Amino acid sequence: MKVTCAKLEVIVRNCRREDLPRVYEINLKAFSQPHQMVEFSWFYEMEPSGTYIAVDKNRNKIIGFVFGVYRPVFFYLEKADIKDGWIPLIAVDPEYQKRGIGTLLMQTIEEYLRSKGAKEVKVEVRENNTGALEYYNKIGFEIHKKIPNYYFDGENGIVMKKNLQKKIDIQMKLKPRYTSCIKCGSFNIRYKVPFLLDLNCECEDCGCVWPVVFEEKIK
C-alpha cells in the first residue's frame, strides 16, 4: 500500500527477516526501555503475515513498524472461546513522529486482524506512559484492566482494547465522494484499504493523488 502522508511518500508492506535489525534499531531510538531483539524474532516467527513496516520511499528507509498477532484471548489468562487481536510491538522512528505514520500502521494492523476474524484488539501500555494512553484513547481504545508489576522493572501495565466491529458499522453508513480519478476519470485507482479517513487515493493511470473524503450516509 502506498500513501502520501504530510508530503511524505510512504509504503507499508510486510516485514521481512532481513528488516529486523533496522526494526530493532528504531525500537532502541523510540523507547527509553526498549524491547529485546529476541522479542522481535519471536513475534515474527509466530505470525510473519501480521508484521508490517512503513518505508520512506524517497530514502528507501524503514521508519516504523507494527507487529500484530491473532490468537485466543486466554493468552491474557481470560477464559473465553473466542479469539481477538494483540499488538505487542509498534514504534515510529523519532525523526518521523507526529506525521501520521503511527496511525497508518495502526490502521493497517487493525485491517489485518479484522480480516482474520478478530472482533477486538488489545495493547499493553506502561501506567506512567500518559502520551501513549492518550493516543490509544484518541483512536478508539478503552482501558480494560490494570496488571500489577507487569513489566520487568515492576511497573504496572494497562491493557487497552478496541472493538474492531464498530468500524465496520461506521463504514457501512458512509460512501466515498469520488470513486474515479478526479483528473482523468479513470476507475483504476488505488483503494486497497478503503474508508481510512486520513489517507489518500492514487490513480494508477495518471498518478493524480487526492484525499479520501466522505460526503453522506448511505440510507
N, C-alpha and C. Protein backbone atom coordinates (compact mmCIF):
# COMPACT_ATOMS: atom_id res chain seq x y z
N MET A 1 0.84 -1.19 0.00
CA MET A 1 0.00 0.00 0.00
C MET A 1 0.88 1.24 0.00
N LYS A 2 0.54 2.22 -0.86
CA LYS A 2 1.30 3.47 -0.93
C LYS A 2 0.38 4.63 -0.64
N VAL A 3 0.79 5.53 0.24
CA VAL A 3 0.00 6.71 0.57
C VAL A 3 0.93 7.91 0.64
N THR A 4 0.32 9.11 0.60
CA THR A 4 1.07 10.33 0.81
C THR A 4 0.68 10.89 2.16
N CYS A 5 1.63 11.04 3.05
CA CYS A 5 1.36 11.42 4.43
C CYS A 5 2.20 12.65 4.75
N ALA A 6 1.56 13.83 4.87
CA ALA A 6 2.27 15.07 5.22
C ALA A 6 3.49 15.27 4.33
N LYS A 7 3.29 15.24 2.99
CA LYS A 7 4.33 15.44 2.00
C LYS A 7 5.40 14.36 2.05
N LEU A 8 5.07 13.23 2.61
CA LEU A 8 6.00 12.11 2.71
C LEU A 8 5.37 10.90 2.04
N GLU A 9 6.06 10.34 1.06
CA GLU A 9 5.54 9.18 0.36
C GLU A 9 5.94 7.92 1.13
N VAL A 10 4.95 7.21 1.61
CA VAL A 10 5.18 6.07 2.50
C VAL A 10 4.60 4.81 1.88
N ILE A 11 5.37 3.74 1.95
CA ILE A 11 4.91 2.43 1.54
C ILE A 11 4.82 1.54 2.78
N VAL A 12 3.70 0.86 2.94
CA VAL A 12 3.54 -0.10 4.03
C VAL A 12 3.54 -1.49 3.43
N ARG A 13 4.41 -2.32 3.93
CA ARG A 13 4.49 -3.70 3.44
C ARG A 13 4.80 -4.64 4.60
N ASN A 14 4.70 -5.92 4.34
CA ASN A 14 5.04 -6.90 5.36
C ASN A 14 6.54 -6.85 5.68
N CYS A 15 6.85 -7.06 6.93
CA CYS A 15 8.24 -7.11 7.36
C CYS A 15 8.89 -8.40 6.84
N ARG A 16 10.17 -8.31 6.52
CA ARG A 16 10.95 -9.47 6.12
C ARG A 16 12.03 -9.73 7.18
N ARG A 17 12.54 -10.94 7.17
CA ARG A 17 13.54 -11.28 8.18
C ARG A 17 14.73 -10.31 8.15
N GLU A 18 15.14 -9.92 6.97
CA GLU A 18 16.30 -9.02 6.86
C GLU A 18 15.99 -7.60 7.33
N ASP A 19 14.71 -7.27 7.56
CA ASP A 19 14.34 -5.96 8.07
C ASP A 19 14.47 -5.86 9.58
N LEU A 20 14.57 -6.98 10.27
CA LEU A 20 14.53 -6.99 11.73
C LEU A 20 15.63 -6.15 12.39
N PRO A 21 16.87 -6.15 11.89
CA PRO A 21 17.87 -5.28 12.53
C PRO A 21 17.50 -3.80 12.51
N ARG A 22 16.95 -3.32 11.39
CA ARG A 22 16.54 -1.92 11.34
C ARG A 22 15.32 -1.68 12.24
N VAL A 23 14.40 -2.63 12.29
CA VAL A 23 13.25 -2.52 13.19
C VAL A 23 13.73 -2.42 14.64
N TYR A 24 14.70 -3.24 14.98
CA TYR A 24 15.25 -3.22 16.34
C TYR A 24 15.94 -1.87 16.62
N GLU A 25 16.60 -1.32 15.62
CA GLU A 25 17.26 -0.02 15.78
C GLU A 25 16.24 1.08 16.08
N ILE A 26 15.10 1.06 15.38
CA ILE A 26 14.05 2.04 15.65
C ILE A 26 13.55 1.88 17.08
N ASN A 27 13.39 0.65 17.51
CA ASN A 27 12.97 0.36 18.88
C ASN A 27 13.92 0.98 19.90
N LEU A 28 15.23 0.90 19.64
CA LEU A 28 16.22 1.48 20.55
C LEU A 28 16.11 3.00 20.59
N LYS A 29 15.79 3.61 19.46
CA LYS A 29 15.68 5.06 19.39
C LYS A 29 14.38 5.57 19.99
N ALA A 30 13.32 4.77 19.88
CA ALA A 30 11.99 5.25 20.26
C ALA A 30 11.65 5.06 21.74
N PHE A 31 12.30 4.10 22.40
CA PHE A 31 11.92 3.78 23.78
C PHE A 31 13.10 3.95 24.74
N SER A 32 12.80 4.48 25.91
CA SER A 32 13.82 4.57 26.95
C SER A 32 14.10 3.20 27.55
N GLN A 33 13.11 2.32 27.48
CA GLN A 33 13.27 0.94 27.93
C GLN A 33 12.85 0.02 26.78
N PRO A 34 13.74 -0.14 25.81
CA PRO A 34 13.39 -0.85 24.57
C PRO A 34 13.19 -2.35 24.76
N HIS A 35 12.53 -2.95 23.76
CA HIS A 35 12.35 -4.39 23.73
C HIS A 35 13.66 -5.07 23.32
N GLN A 36 13.75 -6.34 23.65
CA GLN A 36 14.92 -7.12 23.27
C GLN A 36 14.76 -7.66 21.86
N MET A 37 15.89 -7.90 21.19
CA MET A 37 15.86 -8.42 19.83
C MET A 37 15.13 -9.75 19.76
N VAL A 38 15.25 -10.56 20.78
CA VAL A 38 14.61 -11.86 20.78
C VAL A 38 13.10 -11.74 20.67
N GLU A 39 12.53 -10.65 21.20
CA GLU A 39 11.08 -10.45 21.13
C GLU A 39 10.64 -10.24 19.68
N PHE A 40 11.41 -9.47 18.93
CA PHE A 40 11.06 -9.23 17.53
C PHE A 40 11.15 -10.52 16.72
N SER A 41 12.19 -11.29 16.97
CA SER A 41 12.35 -12.56 16.26
C SER A 41 11.21 -13.51 16.62
N TRP A 42 10.85 -13.53 17.88
CA TRP A 42 9.81 -14.46 18.35
C TRP A 42 8.46 -14.12 17.73
N PHE A 43 8.08 -12.85 17.76
CA PHE A 43 6.78 -12.46 17.20
C PHE A 43 6.77 -12.58 15.67
N TYR A 44 7.91 -12.34 15.05
CA TYR A 44 7.98 -12.51 13.60
C TYR A 44 7.76 -13.98 13.23
N GLU A 45 8.40 -14.88 13.95
CA GLU A 45 8.24 -16.30 13.67
C GLU A 45 6.82 -16.77 14.00
N MET A 46 6.20 -16.16 15.00
CA MET A 46 4.86 -16.56 15.40
C MET A 46 3.84 -16.26 14.31
N GLU A 47 3.93 -15.07 13.72
CA GLU A 47 2.93 -14.68 12.72
C GLU A 47 3.53 -13.64 11.76
N PRO A 48 4.35 -14.07 10.82
CA PRO A 48 5.01 -13.11 9.91
C PRO A 48 4.03 -12.30 9.08
N SER A 49 2.86 -12.86 8.76
CA SER A 49 1.88 -12.12 7.97
C SER A 49 1.29 -10.95 8.74
N GLY A 50 1.47 -10.91 10.06
CA GLY A 50 0.95 -9.83 10.88
C GLY A 50 2.00 -8.81 11.26
N THR A 51 3.13 -8.82 10.57
CA THR A 51 4.19 -7.84 10.83
C THR A 51 4.30 -6.89 9.65
N TYR A 52 4.28 -5.59 9.94
CA TYR A 52 4.31 -4.58 8.89
C TYR A 52 5.36 -3.52 9.20
N ILE A 53 5.91 -2.94 8.14
CA ILE A 53 6.83 -1.82 8.29
C ILE A 53 6.37 -0.68 7.38
N ALA A 54 6.68 0.54 7.80
CA ALA A 54 6.45 1.73 6.97
C ALA A 54 7.80 2.15 6.41
N VAL A 55 7.84 2.44 5.11
CA VAL A 55 9.08 2.78 4.43
C VAL A 55 8.97 4.15 3.78
N ASP A 56 9.94 5.00 4.05
CA ASP A 56 10.07 6.28 3.33
C ASP A 56 10.57 5.94 1.93
N LYS A 57 9.69 6.03 0.94
CA LYS A 57 10.05 5.58 -0.41
C LYS A 57 11.20 6.37 -1.00
N ASN A 58 11.22 7.67 -0.78
CA ASN A 58 12.26 8.51 -1.38
C ASN A 58 13.65 8.18 -0.83
N ARG A 59 13.72 7.78 0.42
CA ARG A 59 15.01 7.46 1.04
C ARG A 59 15.23 5.96 1.18
N ASN A 60 14.21 5.17 0.78
CA ASN A 60 14.26 3.72 0.92
C ASN A 60 14.68 3.33 2.34
N LYS A 61 13.99 3.93 3.30
CA LYS A 61 14.36 3.79 4.70
C LYS A 61 13.16 3.33 5.52
N ILE A 62 13.34 2.31 6.32
CA ILE A 62 12.28 1.85 7.22
C ILE A 62 12.12 2.87 8.34
N ILE A 63 10.89 3.35 8.56
CA ILE A 63 10.67 4.43 9.51
C ILE A 63 9.69 4.06 10.62
N GLY A 64 9.11 2.87 10.56
CA GLY A 64 8.19 2.46 11.60
C GLY A 64 7.82 1.00 11.43
N PHE A 65 7.23 0.43 12.46
CA PHE A 65 6.84 -0.97 12.41
C PHE A 65 5.67 -1.24 13.34
N VAL A 66 4.96 -2.31 13.05
CA VAL A 66 3.92 -2.79 13.94
C VAL A 66 3.84 -4.30 13.77
N PHE A 67 3.77 -5.01 14.90
CA PHE A 67 3.63 -6.46 14.90
C PHE A 67 2.30 -6.80 15.56
N GLY A 68 1.48 -7.56 14.87
CA GLY A 68 0.19 -7.96 15.41
C GLY A 68 0.03 -9.48 15.40
N VAL A 69 -0.76 -9.99 16.32
CA VAL A 69 -0.98 -11.42 16.44
C VAL A 69 -2.46 -11.68 16.63
N TYR A 70 -2.95 -12.70 15.96
CA TYR A 70 -4.33 -13.13 16.13
C TYR A 70 -4.30 -14.47 16.85
N ARG A 71 -4.78 -14.50 18.09
CA ARG A 71 -4.70 -15.72 18.87
C ARG A 71 -5.77 -15.74 19.95
N PRO A 72 -5.96 -16.88 20.64
CA PRO A 72 -7.02 -16.98 21.65
C PRO A 72 -6.83 -15.96 22.76
N VAL A 73 -7.94 -15.43 23.27
CA VAL A 73 -7.84 -14.42 24.31
C VAL A 73 -7.37 -14.99 25.63
N PHE A 74 -7.33 -16.31 25.80
CA PHE A 74 -6.84 -16.83 27.07
C PHE A 74 -5.34 -16.59 27.23
N PHE A 75 -4.70 -15.99 26.19
CA PHE A 75 -3.33 -15.54 26.36
C PHE A 75 -3.26 -14.55 27.51
N TYR A 76 -4.35 -13.85 27.76
CA TYR A 76 -4.44 -12.90 28.87
C TYR A 76 -4.97 -13.56 30.13
N LEU A 77 -4.97 -14.88 30.17
CA LEU A 77 -5.48 -15.63 31.31
C LEU A 77 -6.96 -15.38 31.52
N GLU A 78 -7.66 -15.12 30.42
CA GLU A 78 -9.10 -14.94 30.48
C GLU A 78 -9.75 -16.15 29.83
N LYS A 79 -10.77 -16.67 30.46
CA LYS A 79 -11.46 -17.82 29.91
C LYS A 79 -12.49 -17.35 28.90
N ALA A 80 -12.31 -17.73 27.66
CA ALA A 80 -13.25 -17.36 26.60
C ALA A 80 -13.06 -18.30 25.44
N ASP A 81 -14.09 -18.44 24.63
CA ASP A 81 -14.00 -19.36 23.50
C ASP A 81 -13.93 -18.60 22.17
N ILE A 82 -13.55 -17.31 22.22
CA ILE A 82 -13.39 -16.52 21.00
C ILE A 82 -11.94 -16.12 20.86
N LYS A 83 -11.61 -15.53 19.74
CA LYS A 83 -10.26 -15.06 19.50
C LYS A 83 -10.27 -13.56 19.27
N ASP A 84 -9.15 -12.93 19.61
CA ASP A 84 -9.04 -11.50 19.36
C ASP A 84 -7.64 -11.18 18.87
N GLY A 85 -7.36 -9.90 18.68
CA GLY A 85 -6.07 -9.48 18.18
C GLY A 85 -5.24 -8.85 19.27
N TRP A 86 -3.93 -8.88 19.08
CA TRP A 86 -3.00 -8.33 20.05
C TRP A 86 -1.91 -7.61 19.29
N ILE A 87 -1.55 -6.41 19.73
CA ILE A 87 -0.47 -5.63 19.12
C ILE A 87 0.64 -5.50 20.16
N PRO A 88 1.63 -6.39 20.13
CA PRO A 88 2.69 -6.36 21.14
C PRO A 88 3.79 -5.35 20.86
N LEU A 89 3.99 -4.98 19.57
CA LEU A 89 5.13 -4.12 19.23
C LEU A 89 4.72 -3.09 18.18
N ILE A 90 4.98 -1.83 18.46
CA ILE A 90 4.75 -0.76 17.48
C ILE A 90 5.61 0.43 17.86
N ALA A 91 6.21 1.07 16.85
CA ALA A 91 7.01 2.27 17.09
C ALA A 91 7.28 2.97 15.77
N VAL A 92 7.57 4.26 15.87
CA VAL A 92 7.95 5.07 14.71
C VAL A 92 9.27 5.76 15.03
N ASP A 93 10.15 5.79 14.06
CA ASP A 93 11.42 6.49 14.22
C ASP A 93 11.13 7.92 14.70
N PRO A 94 11.77 8.36 15.79
CA PRO A 94 11.51 9.71 16.32
C PRO A 94 11.61 10.82 15.27
N GLU A 95 12.45 10.62 14.26
CA GLU A 95 12.61 11.62 13.19
C GLU A 95 11.32 11.79 12.39
N TYR A 96 10.46 10.76 12.41
CA TYR A 96 9.25 10.77 11.59
C TYR A 96 7.96 10.82 12.42
N GLN A 97 8.08 11.02 13.69
CA GLN A 97 6.89 11.04 14.53
C GLN A 97 6.06 12.31 14.31
N LYS A 98 4.80 12.25 14.71
CA LYS A 98 3.86 13.37 14.56
C LYS A 98 3.54 13.66 13.10
N ARG A 99 3.64 12.64 12.24
CA ARG A 99 3.33 12.83 10.82
C ARG A 99 2.31 11.80 10.33
N GLY A 100 1.64 11.13 11.26
CA GLY A 100 0.59 10.20 10.88
C GLY A 100 1.06 8.78 10.60
N ILE A 101 2.35 8.50 10.77
CA ILE A 101 2.86 7.17 10.46
C ILE A 101 2.32 6.12 11.43
N GLY A 102 2.29 6.47 12.72
CA GLY A 102 1.77 5.54 13.71
C GLY A 102 0.32 5.18 13.46
N THR A 103 -0.47 6.18 13.11
CA THR A 103 -1.88 5.93 12.81
C THR A 103 -2.03 5.07 11.58
N LEU A 104 -1.20 5.32 10.58
CA LEU A 104 -1.23 4.50 9.37
C LEU A 104 -0.92 3.04 9.70
N LEU A 105 0.08 2.80 10.53
CA LEU A 105 0.44 1.44 10.92
C LEU A 105 -0.68 0.79 11.74
N MET A 106 -1.29 1.57 12.62
CA MET A 106 -2.38 1.03 13.42
C MET A 106 -3.56 0.65 12.53
N GLN A 107 -3.89 1.48 11.58
CA GLN A 107 -4.99 1.17 10.68
C GLN A 107 -4.70 -0.08 9.85
N THR A 108 -3.44 -0.22 9.45
CA THR A 108 -3.05 -1.38 8.66
C THR A 108 -3.19 -2.67 9.47
N ILE A 109 -2.70 -2.66 10.70
CA ILE A 109 -2.75 -3.89 11.50
C ILE A 109 -4.18 -4.19 11.94
N GLU A 110 -4.99 -3.16 12.15
CA GLU A 110 -6.39 -3.40 12.50
C GLU A 110 -7.12 -4.05 11.33
N GLU A 111 -6.84 -3.59 10.12
CA GLU A 111 -7.46 -4.21 8.94
C GLU A 111 -7.04 -5.67 8.82
N TYR A 112 -5.76 -5.94 9.09
CA TYR A 112 -5.27 -7.32 9.02
C TYR A 112 -5.98 -8.20 10.04
N LEU A 113 -6.03 -7.74 11.28
CA LEU A 113 -6.65 -8.53 12.33
C LEU A 113 -8.14 -8.74 12.08
N ARG A 114 -8.79 -7.69 11.55
CA ARG A 114 -10.21 -7.83 11.21
C ARG A 114 -10.40 -8.88 10.11
N SER A 115 -9.49 -8.90 9.15
CA SER A 115 -9.60 -9.87 8.06
C SER A 115 -9.41 -11.30 8.56
N LYS A 116 -8.70 -11.45 9.68
CA LYS A 116 -8.50 -12.77 10.26
C LYS A 116 -9.69 -13.23 11.11
N GLY A 117 -10.59 -12.28 11.39
CA GLY A 117 -11.78 -12.60 12.17
C GLY A 117 -11.80 -12.03 13.56
N ALA A 118 -10.80 -11.21 13.91
CA ALA A 118 -10.76 -10.63 15.25
C ALA A 118 -11.88 -9.62 15.44
N LYS A 119 -12.53 -9.68 16.58
CA LYS A 119 -13.57 -8.72 16.91
C LYS A 119 -13.06 -7.60 17.80
N GLU A 120 -11.97 -7.87 18.50
CA GLU A 120 -11.35 -6.87 19.36
C GLU A 120 -9.84 -6.94 19.19
N VAL A 121 -9.17 -5.85 19.54
CA VAL A 121 -7.72 -5.83 19.54
C VAL A 121 -7.27 -5.20 20.86
N LYS A 122 -6.17 -5.71 21.40
CA LYS A 122 -5.68 -5.22 22.68
C LYS A 122 -4.22 -4.80 22.58
N VAL A 123 -3.86 -3.84 23.42
CA VAL A 123 -2.47 -3.39 23.55
C VAL A 123 -2.17 -3.25 25.03
N GLU A 124 -0.87 -3.32 25.38
CA GLU A 124 -0.45 -3.04 26.75
C GLU A 124 0.39 -1.78 26.77
N VAL A 125 0.17 -0.95 27.78
CA VAL A 125 0.86 0.33 27.91
C VAL A 125 1.35 0.47 29.34
N ARG A 126 2.53 1.04 29.51
CA ARG A 126 3.01 1.33 30.86
C ARG A 126 2.09 2.35 31.53
N GLU A 127 1.85 2.16 32.80
CA GLU A 127 0.91 3.01 33.52
C GLU A 127 1.32 4.48 33.50
N ASN A 128 2.62 4.76 33.49
CA ASN A 128 3.07 6.15 33.51
C ASN A 128 3.28 6.74 32.13
N ASN A 129 2.97 5.98 31.08
CA ASN A 129 3.12 6.48 29.71
C ASN A 129 1.84 7.19 29.30
N THR A 130 1.65 8.39 29.82
CA THR A 130 0.40 9.12 29.58
C THR A 130 0.21 9.47 28.11
N GLY A 131 1.33 9.72 27.40
CA GLY A 131 1.22 10.04 25.99
C GLY A 131 0.61 8.91 25.19
N ALA A 132 1.07 7.68 25.44
CA ALA A 132 0.55 6.51 24.74
C ALA A 132 -0.90 6.24 25.14
N LEU A 133 -1.21 6.39 26.41
CA LEU A 133 -2.58 6.17 26.87
C LEU A 133 -3.54 7.14 26.19
N GLU A 134 -3.14 8.40 26.08
CA GLU A 134 -3.98 9.40 25.43
C GLU A 134 -4.13 9.12 23.94
N TYR A 135 -3.03 8.68 23.31
CA TYR A 135 -3.09 8.40 21.87
C TYR A 135 -4.04 7.24 21.58
N TYR A 136 -3.89 6.14 22.31
CA TYR A 136 -4.76 5.00 22.07
C TYR A 136 -6.22 5.33 22.36
N ASN A 137 -6.45 6.14 23.38
CA ASN A 137 -7.82 6.57 23.66
C ASN A 137 -8.38 7.39 22.50
N LYS A 138 -7.53 8.21 21.90
CA LYS A 138 -7.95 9.06 20.78
C LYS A 138 -8.37 8.24 19.57
N ILE A 139 -7.73 7.09 19.36
CA ILE A 139 -8.05 6.29 18.17
C ILE A 139 -9.02 5.14 18.49
N GLY A 140 -9.68 5.24 19.65
CA GLY A 140 -10.78 4.31 19.90
C GLY A 140 -10.56 3.22 20.93
N PHE A 141 -9.40 3.20 21.58
CA PHE A 141 -9.15 2.19 22.60
C PHE A 141 -9.71 2.65 23.95
N GLU A 142 -10.09 1.68 24.77
CA GLU A 142 -10.58 1.96 26.11
C GLU A 142 -9.79 1.12 27.11
N ILE A 143 -9.62 1.65 28.33
CA ILE A 143 -8.91 0.90 29.36
C ILE A 143 -9.72 -0.32 29.76
N HIS A 144 -9.06 -1.47 29.73
CA HIS A 144 -9.72 -2.73 30.04
C HIS A 144 -9.41 -3.17 31.48
N LYS A 145 -8.13 -3.15 31.82
CA LYS A 145 -7.75 -3.52 33.18
C LYS A 145 -6.29 -3.16 33.43
N LYS A 146 -5.90 -3.19 34.71
CA LYS A 146 -4.52 -2.94 35.11
C LYS A 146 -3.90 -4.25 35.59
N ILE A 147 -2.66 -4.49 35.16
CA ILE A 147 -1.93 -5.69 35.58
C ILE A 147 -0.77 -5.24 36.46
N PRO A 148 -0.83 -5.50 37.76
CA PRO A 148 0.26 -5.08 38.66
C PRO A 148 1.59 -5.75 38.30
N ASN A 149 2.67 -4.96 38.38
CA ASN A 149 4.03 -5.48 38.17
C ASN A 149 4.17 -6.20 36.83
N TYR A 150 3.54 -5.68 35.80
CA TYR A 150 3.53 -6.36 34.50
C TYR A 150 4.89 -6.33 33.82
N TYR A 151 5.60 -5.21 33.96
CA TYR A 151 6.88 -5.06 33.29
C TYR A 151 8.03 -5.52 34.18
N PHE A 152 9.18 -5.79 33.53
CA PHE A 152 10.32 -6.36 34.24
C PHE A 152 10.81 -5.47 35.38
N ASP A 153 10.64 -4.16 35.23
CA ASP A 153 11.09 -3.25 36.28
C ASP A 153 10.05 -3.05 37.37
N GLY A 154 8.95 -3.77 37.30
CA GLY A 154 7.93 -3.70 38.34
C GLY A 154 6.80 -2.73 38.07
N GLU A 155 6.87 -1.99 36.96
CA GLU A 155 5.80 -1.03 36.67
C GLU A 155 4.53 -1.75 36.25
N ASN A 156 3.40 -1.16 36.62
CA ASN A 156 2.11 -1.74 36.24
C ASN A 156 1.85 -1.57 34.75
N GLY A 157 1.10 -2.50 34.20
CA GLY A 157 0.70 -2.41 32.81
C GLY A 157 -0.78 -2.12 32.69
N ILE A 158 -1.15 -1.34 31.70
CA ILE A 158 -2.55 -1.05 31.42
C ILE A 158 -2.93 -1.74 30.12
N VAL A 159 -3.92 -2.61 30.18
CA VAL A 159 -4.43 -3.28 28.99
C VAL A 159 -5.56 -2.44 28.42
N MET A 160 -5.45 -2.08 27.15
CA MET A 160 -6.49 -1.32 26.48
C MET A 160 -7.04 -2.15 25.33
N LYS A 161 -8.30 -1.97 25.03
CA LYS A 161 -8.90 -2.76 23.96
C LYS A 161 -9.77 -1.87 23.08
N LYS A 162 -9.97 -2.35 21.86
CA LYS A 162 -10.79 -1.62 20.89
C LYS A 162 -11.69 -2.61 20.17
N ASN A 163 -12.94 -2.22 20.02
CA ASN A 163 -13.90 -3.05 19.30
C ASN A 163 -13.72 -2.82 17.80
N LEU A 164 -13.23 -3.82 17.09
CA LEU A 164 -13.00 -3.68 15.65
C LEU A 164 -14.29 -3.71 14.85
N GLN A 165 -15.35 -4.24 15.42
CA GLN A 165 -16.62 -4.33 14.71
C GLN A 165 -17.26 -2.96 14.54
N LYS A 166 -16.96 -2.02 15.45
CA LYS A 166 -17.56 -0.69 15.36
C LYS A 166 -17.18 0.00 14.07
N LYS A 167 -15.96 -0.22 13.61
CA LYS A 167 -15.51 0.44 12.38
C LYS A 167 -16.32 -0.04 11.19
N ILE A 168 -16.63 -1.33 11.18
CA ILE A 168 -17.43 -1.87 10.09
C ILE A 168 -18.81 -1.21 10.09
N ASP A 169 -19.38 -1.03 11.27
CA ASP A 169 -20.70 -0.39 11.36
C ASP A 169 -20.66 1.02 10.80
N ILE A 170 -19.58 1.75 11.10
CA ILE A 170 -19.44 3.11 10.60
C ILE A 170 -19.25 3.11 9.09
N GLN A 171 -18.42 2.20 8.60
CA GLN A 171 -18.13 2.14 7.17
C GLN A 171 -19.39 1.92 6.34
N MET A 172 -20.29 1.09 6.85
CA MET A 172 -21.49 0.76 6.10
C MET A 172 -22.42 1.95 5.96
N LYS A 173 -22.19 3.02 6.74
CA LYS A 173 -23.06 4.20 6.68
C LYS A 173 -22.45 5.32 5.86
N LEU A 174 -21.25 5.11 5.32
CA LEU A 174 -20.57 6.16 4.58
C LEU A 174 -20.25 5.73 3.16
N LYS A 175 -20.08 6.67 2.29
CA LYS A 175 -19.62 6.36 0.94
C LYS A 175 -18.61 7.41 0.50
N PRO A 176 -17.61 7.03 -0.28
CA PRO A 176 -16.60 8.00 -0.71
C PRO A 176 -17.19 8.97 -1.74
N ARG A 177 -16.71 10.20 -1.69
CA ARG A 177 -17.19 11.20 -2.64
C ARG A 177 -16.74 10.87 -4.05
N TYR A 178 -15.52 10.37 -4.20
CA TYR A 178 -15.01 10.07 -5.52
C TYR A 178 -14.71 8.57 -5.64
N THR A 179 -15.21 7.96 -6.70
CA THR A 179 -14.91 6.55 -6.98
C THR A 179 -14.12 6.42 -8.27
N SER A 180 -13.76 7.55 -8.87
CA SER A 180 -12.91 7.57 -10.05
C SER A 180 -11.95 8.75 -9.91
N CYS A 181 -10.92 8.76 -10.75
CA CYS A 181 -9.90 9.81 -10.66
C CYS A 181 -10.52 11.18 -10.91
N ILE A 182 -10.17 12.15 -10.07
CA ILE A 182 -10.73 13.49 -10.21
C ILE A 182 -10.09 14.26 -11.36
N LYS A 183 -8.99 13.71 -11.92
CA LYS A 183 -8.30 14.40 -13.02
C LYS A 183 -8.62 13.79 -14.37
N CYS A 184 -8.45 12.46 -14.51
CA CYS A 184 -8.63 11.84 -15.82
C CYS A 184 -9.88 10.97 -15.92
N GLY A 185 -10.57 10.77 -14.77
CA GLY A 185 -11.80 10.00 -14.79
C GLY A 185 -11.61 8.49 -14.74
N SER A 186 -10.38 8.04 -14.66
CA SER A 186 -10.11 6.60 -14.64
C SER A 186 -10.67 5.96 -13.36
N PHE A 187 -11.17 4.73 -13.50
CA PHE A 187 -11.63 3.98 -12.34
C PHE A 187 -10.51 3.09 -11.79
N ASN A 188 -9.34 3.18 -12.39
CA ASN A 188 -8.20 2.36 -11.98
C ASN A 188 -7.45 3.09 -10.87
N ILE A 189 -8.03 3.13 -9.66
CA ILE A 189 -7.45 3.87 -8.56
C ILE A 189 -7.05 2.92 -7.45
N ARG A 190 -6.05 3.36 -6.68
CA ARG A 190 -5.60 2.58 -5.53
C ARG A 190 -6.58 2.82 -4.38
N TYR A 191 -7.27 1.79 -3.99
CA TYR A 191 -8.25 1.92 -2.92
C TYR A 191 -8.24 0.62 -2.12
N LYS A 192 -7.02 0.15 -1.84
CA LYS A 192 -6.86 -1.16 -1.24
C LYS A 192 -7.34 -1.21 0.21
N VAL A 193 -7.20 -0.10 0.92
CA VAL A 193 -7.66 -0.05 2.30
C VAL A 193 -8.68 1.07 2.41
N PRO A 194 -9.94 0.84 2.00
CA PRO A 194 -10.93 1.92 1.94
C PRO A 194 -11.36 2.41 3.31
N PHE A 195 -11.93 3.58 3.30
CA PHE A 195 -12.57 4.17 4.46
C PHE A 195 -11.59 4.51 5.58
N LEU A 196 -10.33 4.83 5.23
CA LEU A 196 -9.39 5.35 6.20
C LEU A 196 -9.35 6.86 6.00
N LEU A 197 -9.89 7.58 6.93
CA LEU A 197 -10.22 8.98 6.69
C LEU A 197 -9.01 9.88 6.45
N ASP A 198 -7.82 9.47 6.89
CA ASP A 198 -6.68 10.36 6.74
C ASP A 198 -5.72 9.91 5.65
N LEU A 199 -6.16 9.03 4.76
CA LEU A 199 -5.30 8.55 3.70
C LEU A 199 -5.71 9.13 2.36
N ASN A 200 -4.90 8.86 1.35
CA ASN A 200 -5.16 9.37 0.01
C ASN A 200 -5.42 8.25 -0.98
N CYS A 201 -6.10 8.57 -2.05
CA CYS A 201 -6.25 7.67 -3.19
C CYS A 201 -5.24 8.10 -4.25
N GLU A 202 -4.84 7.15 -5.09
CA GLU A 202 -3.92 7.46 -6.17
C GLU A 202 -4.39 6.77 -7.45
N CYS A 203 -4.43 7.54 -8.53
CA CYS A 203 -4.81 6.99 -9.83
C CYS A 203 -3.61 6.25 -10.41
N GLU A 204 -3.81 5.01 -10.80
CA GLU A 204 -2.71 4.22 -11.35
C GLU A 204 -2.44 4.56 -12.81
N ASP A 205 -3.32 5.35 -13.43
CA ASP A 205 -3.12 5.73 -14.83
C ASP A 205 -2.36 7.04 -14.97
N CYS A 206 -2.82 8.10 -14.29
CA CYS A 206 -2.18 9.40 -14.44
C CYS A 206 -1.35 9.82 -13.24
N GLY A 207 -1.44 9.08 -12.12
CA GLY A 207 -0.64 9.39 -10.95
C GLY A 207 -1.22 10.46 -10.04
N CYS A 208 -2.40 10.98 -10.35
CA CYS A 208 -3.03 12.01 -9.52
C CYS A 208 -3.33 11.44 -8.13
N VAL A 209 -3.08 12.26 -7.09
CA VAL A 209 -3.33 11.85 -5.70
C VAL A 209 -4.32 12.83 -5.07
N TRP A 210 -5.30 12.31 -4.34
CA TRP A 210 -6.28 13.17 -3.67
C TRP A 210 -6.75 12.52 -2.38
N PRO A 211 -7.21 13.33 -1.42
CA PRO A 211 -7.63 12.79 -0.13
C PRO A 211 -8.90 11.94 -0.24
N VAL A 212 -8.99 10.94 0.63
CA VAL A 212 -10.23 10.18 0.74
C VAL A 212 -11.22 11.04 1.52
N VAL A 213 -12.35 11.35 0.91
CA VAL A 213 -13.35 12.23 1.53
C VAL A 213 -14.70 11.52 1.51
N PHE A 214 -15.46 11.66 2.60
CA PHE A 214 -16.79 11.08 2.68
C PHE A 214 -17.81 12.21 2.73
N GLU A 215 -18.91 12.03 2.03
CA GLU A 215 -19.84 13.14 1.91
C GLU A 215 -21.22 12.90 2.49
N GLU A 216 -21.65 11.64 2.59
CA GLU A 216 -23.01 11.43 3.08
C GLU A 216 -23.20 10.00 3.53
N LYS A 217 -24.23 9.79 4.32
CA LYS A 217 -24.55 8.46 4.78
C LYS A 217 -25.33 7.70 3.73
N ILE A 218 -25.09 6.42 3.66
CA ILE A 218 -25.87 5.56 2.79
C ILE A 218 -27.13 5.15 3.54
N LYS A 219 -28.27 5.41 2.97
CA LYS A 219 -29.52 5.09 3.65
C LYS A 219 -30.02 3.71 3.28
